[in-house]
């Protein structure tokens, strides 16, 4: 009986975190990829501009 109670307690979301709206993980991955691409475009701007000349 105690093992069953421990399993249910571990899977509960803490009360303070339960009120927050958590985004889906796939949106976080897409956002991270977009940020990485934008930072690389800014960082290597001169290189990309020299390719088109």
PDB file of N, CA and C in Angstrom:
ATOM      1  N   UNK A   1       0.822  -1.195   0.000  1.00  0.00           N
ATOM      2  CA  UNK A   1       0.000   0.000   0.000  1.00  0.00           C
ATOM      3  C   UNK A   1       0.874   1.270   0.000  1.00  0.00           C
ATOM      4  N   UNK A   2       1.973   1.251   0.731  1.00  0.00           N
ATOM      5  CA  UNK A   2       2.835   2.429   0.797  1.00  0.00           C
ATOM      6  C   UNK A   2       3.507   2.698  -0.548  1.00  0.00           C
ATOM      7  N   UNK A   3       3.876   1.642  -1.267  1.00  0.00           N
ATOM      8  CA  UNK A   3       4.514   1.825  -2.572  1.00  0.00           C
ATOM      9  C   UNK A   3       3.581   2.535  -3.545  1.00  0.00           C
ATOM     10  N   UNK A   4       2.306   2.217  -3.500  1.00  0.00           N
ATOM     11  CA  UNK A   4       1.325   2.847  -4.371  1.00  0.00           C
ATOM     12  C   UNK A   4       1.200   4.340  -4.055  1.00  0.00           C
ATOM     13  N   UNK A   5       1.249   4.701  -2.786  1.00  0.00           N
ATOM     14  CA  UNK A   5       1.154   6.113  -2.389  1.00  0.00           C
ATOM     15  C   UNK A   5       2.389   6.886  -2.815  1.00  0.00           C
ATOM     16  N   UNK A   6       3.560   6.263  -2.750  1.00  0.00           N
ATOM     17  CA  UNK A   6       4.789   6.948  -3.154  1.00  0.00           C
ATOM     18  C   UNK A   6       4.791   7.216  -4.653  1.00  0.00           C
ATOM     19  N   UNK A   7       4.278   6.293  -5.442  1.00  0.00           N
ATOM     20  CA  UNK A   7       4.227   6.495  -6.886  1.00  0.00           C
ATOM     21  C   UNK A   7       3.334   7.679  -7.247  1.00  0.00           C
ATOM     22  N   UNK A   8       2.201   7.810  -6.595  1.00  0.00           N
ATOM     23  CA  UNK A   8       1.301   8.915  -6.922  1.00  0.00           C
ATOM     24  C   UNK A   8       1.877  10.238  -6.461  1.00  0.00           C
ATOM     25  N   UNK A   9       2.628  10.250  -5.376  1.00  0.00           N
ATOM     26  CA  UNK A   9       3.219  11.497  -4.889  1.00  0.00           C
ATOM     27  C   UNK A   9       4.342  11.971  -5.803  1.00  0.00           C
ATOM     28  N   UNK A  10       5.100  11.049  -6.384  1.00  0.00           N
ATOM     29  CA  UNK A  10       6.214  11.443  -7.251  1.00  0.00           C
ATOM     30  C   UNK A  10       5.723  12.027  -8.565  1.00  0.00           C
ATOM     31  N   UNK A  11       4.593  11.604  -9.050  1.00  0.00           N
ATOM     32  CA  UNK A  11       4.126  12.048 -10.355  1.00  0.00           C
ATOM     33  C   UNK A  11       3.330  13.341 -10.308  1.00  0.00           C
ATOM     34  N   UNK A  12       3.052  13.868  -9.155  1.00  0.00           N
ATOM     35  CA  UNK A  12       2.276  15.107  -9.065  1.00  0.00           C
ATOM     36  C   UNK A  12       3.158  16.313  -9.370  1.00  0.00           C
ATOM     37  N   UNK A  13       2.559  17.309 -10.006  1.00  0.00           N
ATOM     38  CA  UNK A  13       3.244  18.570 -10.278  1.00  0.00           C
ATOM     39  C   UNK A  13       3.172  19.418  -9.021  1.00  0.00           C
ATOM     40  N   UNK A  14       4.283  20.063  -8.632  1.00  0.00           N
ATOM     41  CA  UNK A  14       4.234  20.939  -7.459  1.00  0.00           C
ATOM     42  C   UNK A  14       3.170  22.027  -7.622  1.00  0.00           C
ATOM     43  N   UNK A  15       2.566  22.422  -6.527  1.00  0.00           N
ATOM     44  CA  UNK A  15       1.413  23.328  -6.580  1.00  0.00           C
ATOM     45  C   UNK A  15       1.751  24.675  -7.206  1.00  0.00           C
ATOM     46  N   UNK A  16       2.934  25.213  -6.958  1.00  0.00           N
ATOM     47  CA  UNK A  16       3.294  26.513  -7.529  1.00  0.00           C
ATOM     48  C   UNK A  16       3.549  26.419  -9.030  1.00  0.00           C
ATOM     49  N   UNK A  17       4.026  25.264  -9.496  1.00  0.00           N
ATOM     50  CA  UNK A  17       4.314  25.091 -10.919  1.00  0.00           C
ATOM     51  C   UNK A  17       3.065  24.730 -11.713  1.00  0.00           C
ATOM     52  N   UNK A  18       2.043  24.223 -11.041  1.00  0.00           N
ATOM     53  CA  UNK A  18       0.846  23.757 -11.743  1.00  0.00           C
ATOM     54  C   UNK A  18       0.068  24.911 -12.360  1.00  0.00           C
ATOM     55  N   UNK A  19       0.233  26.108 -11.826  1.00  0.00           N
ATOM     56  CA  UNK A  19      -0.529  27.256 -12.335  1.00  0.00           C
ATOM     57  C   UNK A  19       0.116  27.901 -13.551  1.00  0.00           C
ATOM     58  N   UNK A  20       1.363  27.538 -13.859  1.00  0.00           N
ATOM     59  CA  UNK A  20       2.055  28.131 -15.002  1.00  0.00           C
ATOM     60  C   UNK A  20       1.635  27.436 -16.286  1.00  0.00           C
ATOM     61  N   UNK A  21       1.637  28.177 -17.364  1.00  0.00           N
ATOM     62  CA  UNK A  21       1.329  27.602 -18.679  1.00  0.00           C
ATOM     63  C   UNK A  21       2.637  27.171 -19.316  1.00  0.00           C
ATOM     64  N   UNK A  22       2.873  25.877 -19.404  1.00  0.00           N
ATOM     65  CA  UNK A  22       4.103  25.362 -19.976  1.00  0.00           C
ATOM     66  C   UNK A  22       3.917  25.144 -21.472  1.00  0.00           C
ATOM     67  N   UNK A  23       4.835  25.651 -22.303  1.00  0.00           N
ATOM     68  CA  UNK A  23       4.719  25.434 -23.744  1.00  0.00           C
ATOM     69  C   UNK A  23       5.052  23.987 -24.107  1.00  0.00           C
ATOM     70  N   UNK A  24       4.604  23.571 -25.266  1.00  0.00           N
ATOM     71  CA  UNK A  24       4.923  22.232 -25.741  1.00  0.00           C
ATOM     72  C   UNK A  24       6.413  22.170 -26.074  1.00  0.00           C
ATOM     73  N   UNK A  25       6.996  21.002 -25.924  1.00  0.00           N
ATOM     74  CA  UNK A  25       8.438  20.837 -26.131  1.00  0.00           C
ATOM     75  C   UNK A  25       8.831  21.099 -27.585  1.00  0.00           C
ATOM     76  N   UNK A  26       7.948  20.741 -28.533  1.00  0.00           N
ATOM     77  CA  UNK A  26       8.324  20.937 -29.940  1.00  0.00           C
ATOM     78  C   UNK A  26       8.457  22.413 -30.270  1.00  0.00           C
ATOM     79  N   UNK A  27       7.667  23.269 -29.622  1.00  0.00           N
ATOM     80  CA  UNK A  27       7.804  24.703 -29.869  1.00  0.00           C
ATOM     81  C   UNK A  27       9.125  25.225 -29.322  1.00  0.00           C
ATOM     82  N   UNK A  28       9.576  24.683 -28.228  1.00  0.00           N
ATOM     83  CA  UNK A  28      10.873  25.069 -27.675  1.00  0.00           C
ATOM     84  C   UNK A  28      12.011  24.672 -28.583  1.00  0.00           C
ATOM     85  N   UNK A  29      11.915  23.494 -29.180  1.00  0.00           N
ATOM     86  CA  UNK A  29      12.954  23.033 -30.105  1.00  0.00           C
ATOM     87  C   UNK A  29      12.982  23.913 -31.347  1.00  0.00           C
ATOM     88  N   UNK A  30      11.807  24.229 -31.885  1.00  0.00           N
ATOM     89  CA  UNK A  30      11.735  25.092 -33.074  1.00  0.00           C
ATOM     90  C   UNK A  30      12.293  26.470 -32.762  1.00  0.00           C
ATOM     91  N   UNK A  31      11.940  27.011 -31.601  1.00  0.00           N
ATOM     92  CA  UNK A  31      12.445  28.326 -31.209  1.00  0.00           C
ATOM     93  C   UNK A  31      13.960  28.303 -31.042  1.00  0.00           C
ATOM     94  N   UNK A  32      14.499  27.243 -30.450  1.00  0.00           N
ATOM     95  CA  UNK A  32      15.945  27.139 -30.273  1.00  0.00           C
ATOM     96  C   UNK A  32      16.665  27.080 -31.612  1.00  0.00           C
ATOM     97  N   UNK A  33      16.129  26.326 -32.568  1.00  0.00           N
ATOM     98  CA  UNK A  33      16.753  26.235 -33.893  1.00  0.00           C
ATOM     99  C   UNK A  33      16.721  27.588 -34.587  1.00  0.00           C
ATOM    100  N   UNK A  34      15.603  28.297 -34.495  1.00  0.00           N
ATOM    101  CA  UNK A  34      15.499  29.616 -35.125  1.00  0.00           C
ATOM    102  C   UNK A  34      16.492  30.586 -34.507  1.00  0.00           C
ATOM    103  N   UNK A  35      16.633  30.563 -33.196  1.00  0.00           N
ATOM    104  CA  UNK A  35      17.578  31.463 -32.524  1.00  0.00           C
ATOM    105  C   UNK A  35      19.007  31.136 -32.940  1.00  0.00           C
ATOM    106  N   UNK A  36      19.347  29.859 -33.025  1.00  0.00           N
ATOM    107  CA  UNK A  36      20.700  29.472 -33.434  1.00  0.00           C
ATOM    108  C   UNK A  36      20.978  29.932 -34.858  1.00  0.00           C
ATOM    109  N   UNK A  37      20.012  29.772 -35.758  1.00  0.00           N
ATOM    110  CA  UNK A  37      20.200  30.208 -37.146  1.00  0.00           C
ATOM    111  C   UNK A  37      20.369  31.725 -37.219  1.00  0.00           C
ATOM    112  N   UNK A  38      19.539  32.468 -36.486  1.00  0.00           N
ATOM    113  CA  UNK A  38      19.642  33.927 -36.513  1.00  0.00           C
ATOM    114  C   UNK A  38      20.979  34.415 -35.964  1.00  0.00           C
ATOM    115  N   UNK A  39      21.437  33.817 -34.884  1.00  0.00           N
ATOM    116  CA  UNK A  39      22.722  34.226 -34.295  1.00  0.00           C
ATOM    117  C   UNK A  39      23.862  33.921 -35.267  1.00  0.00           C
ATOM    118  N   UNK A  40      23.808  32.765 -35.921  1.00  0.00           N
ATOM    119  CA  UNK A  40      24.851  32.437 -36.892  1.00  0.00           C
ATOM    120  C   UNK A  40      24.808  33.354 -38.102  1.00  0.00           C
ATOM    121  N   UNK A  41      23.617  33.733 -38.555  1.00  0.00           N
ATOM    122  CA  UNK A  41      23.531  34.673 -39.673  1.00  0.00           C
ATOM    123  C   UNK A  41      24.124  36.026 -39.304  1.00  0.00           C
ATOM    124  N   UNK A  42      23.865  36.485 -38.111  1.00  0.00           N
ATOM    125  CA  UNK A  42      24.435  37.760 -37.674  1.00  0.00           C
ATOM    126  C   UNK A  42      25.950  37.648 -37.520  1.00  0.00           C
ATOM    127  N   UNK A  43      26.404  36.549 -36.947  1.00  0.00           N
ATOM    128  CA  UNK A  43      27.832  36.368 -36.680  1.00  0.00           C
ATOM    129  C   UNK A  43      28.641  36.227 -37.970  1.00  0.00           C
ATOM    130  N   UNK A  44      28.098  35.494 -38.942  1.00  0.00           N
ATOM    131  CA  UNK A  44      28.804  35.252 -40.190  1.00  0.00           C
ATOM    132  C   UNK A  44      28.238  36.076 -41.339  1.00  0.00           C
ATOM    133  N   UNK A  45      27.713  37.248 -41.035  1.00  0.00           N
ATOM    134  CA  UNK A  45      27.097  38.119 -42.040  1.00  0.00           C
ATOM    135  C   UNK A  45      28.076  38.470 -43.158  1.00  0.00           C
ATOM    136  N   UNK A  46      29.289  38.826 -42.811  1.00  0.00           N
ATOM    137  CA  UNK A  46      30.275  39.212 -43.821  1.00  0.00           C
ATOM    138  C   UNK A  46      30.622  38.041 -44.742  1.00  0.00           C
ATOM    139  N   UNK A  47      30.691  36.857 -44.199  1.00  0.00           N
ATOM    140  CA  UNK A  47      30.990  35.672 -45.016  1.00  0.00           C
ATOM    141  C   UNK A  47      29.889  35.416 -46.027  1.00  0.00           C
ATOM    142  N   UNK A  48      28.641  35.494 -45.593  1.00  0.00           N
ATOM    143  CA  UNK A  48      27.526  35.241 -46.514  1.00  0.00           C
ATOM    144  C   UNK A  48      27.419  36.341 -47.557  1.00  0.00           C
ATOM    145  N   UNK A  49      27.682  37.579 -47.185  1.00  0.00           N
ATOM    146  CA  UNK A  49      27.631  38.657 -48.163  1.00  0.00           C
ATOM    147  C   UNK A  49      28.738  38.522 -49.201  1.00  0.00           C
ATOM    148  N   UNK A  50      29.896  38.005 -48.812  1.00  0.00           N
ATOM    149  CA  UNK A  50      30.992  37.836 -49.765  1.00  0.00           C
ATOM    150  C   UNK A  50      30.701  36.711 -50.758  1.00  0.00           C
ATOM    151  N   UNK A  51      29.838  35.770 -50.398  1.00  0.00           N
ATOM    152  CA  UNK A  51      29.492  34.689 -51.329  1.00  0.00           C
ATOM    153  C   UNK A  51      28.664  35.210 -52.510  1.00  0.00           C
ATOM    154  N   UNK A  52      27.857  36.232 -52.268  1.00  0.00           N
ATOM    155  CA  UNK A  52      26.962  36.737 -53.299  1.00  0.00           C
ATOM    156  C   UNK A  52      27.606  37.791 -54.188  1.00  0.00           C
ATOM    157  N   UNK A  53      28.838  38.189 -53.905  1.00  0.00           N
ATOM    158  CA  UNK A  53      29.500  39.207 -54.730  1.00  0.00           C
ATOM    159  C   UNK A  53      30.135  38.584 -55.951  1.00  0.00           C
TER     160      UNK A  53
END
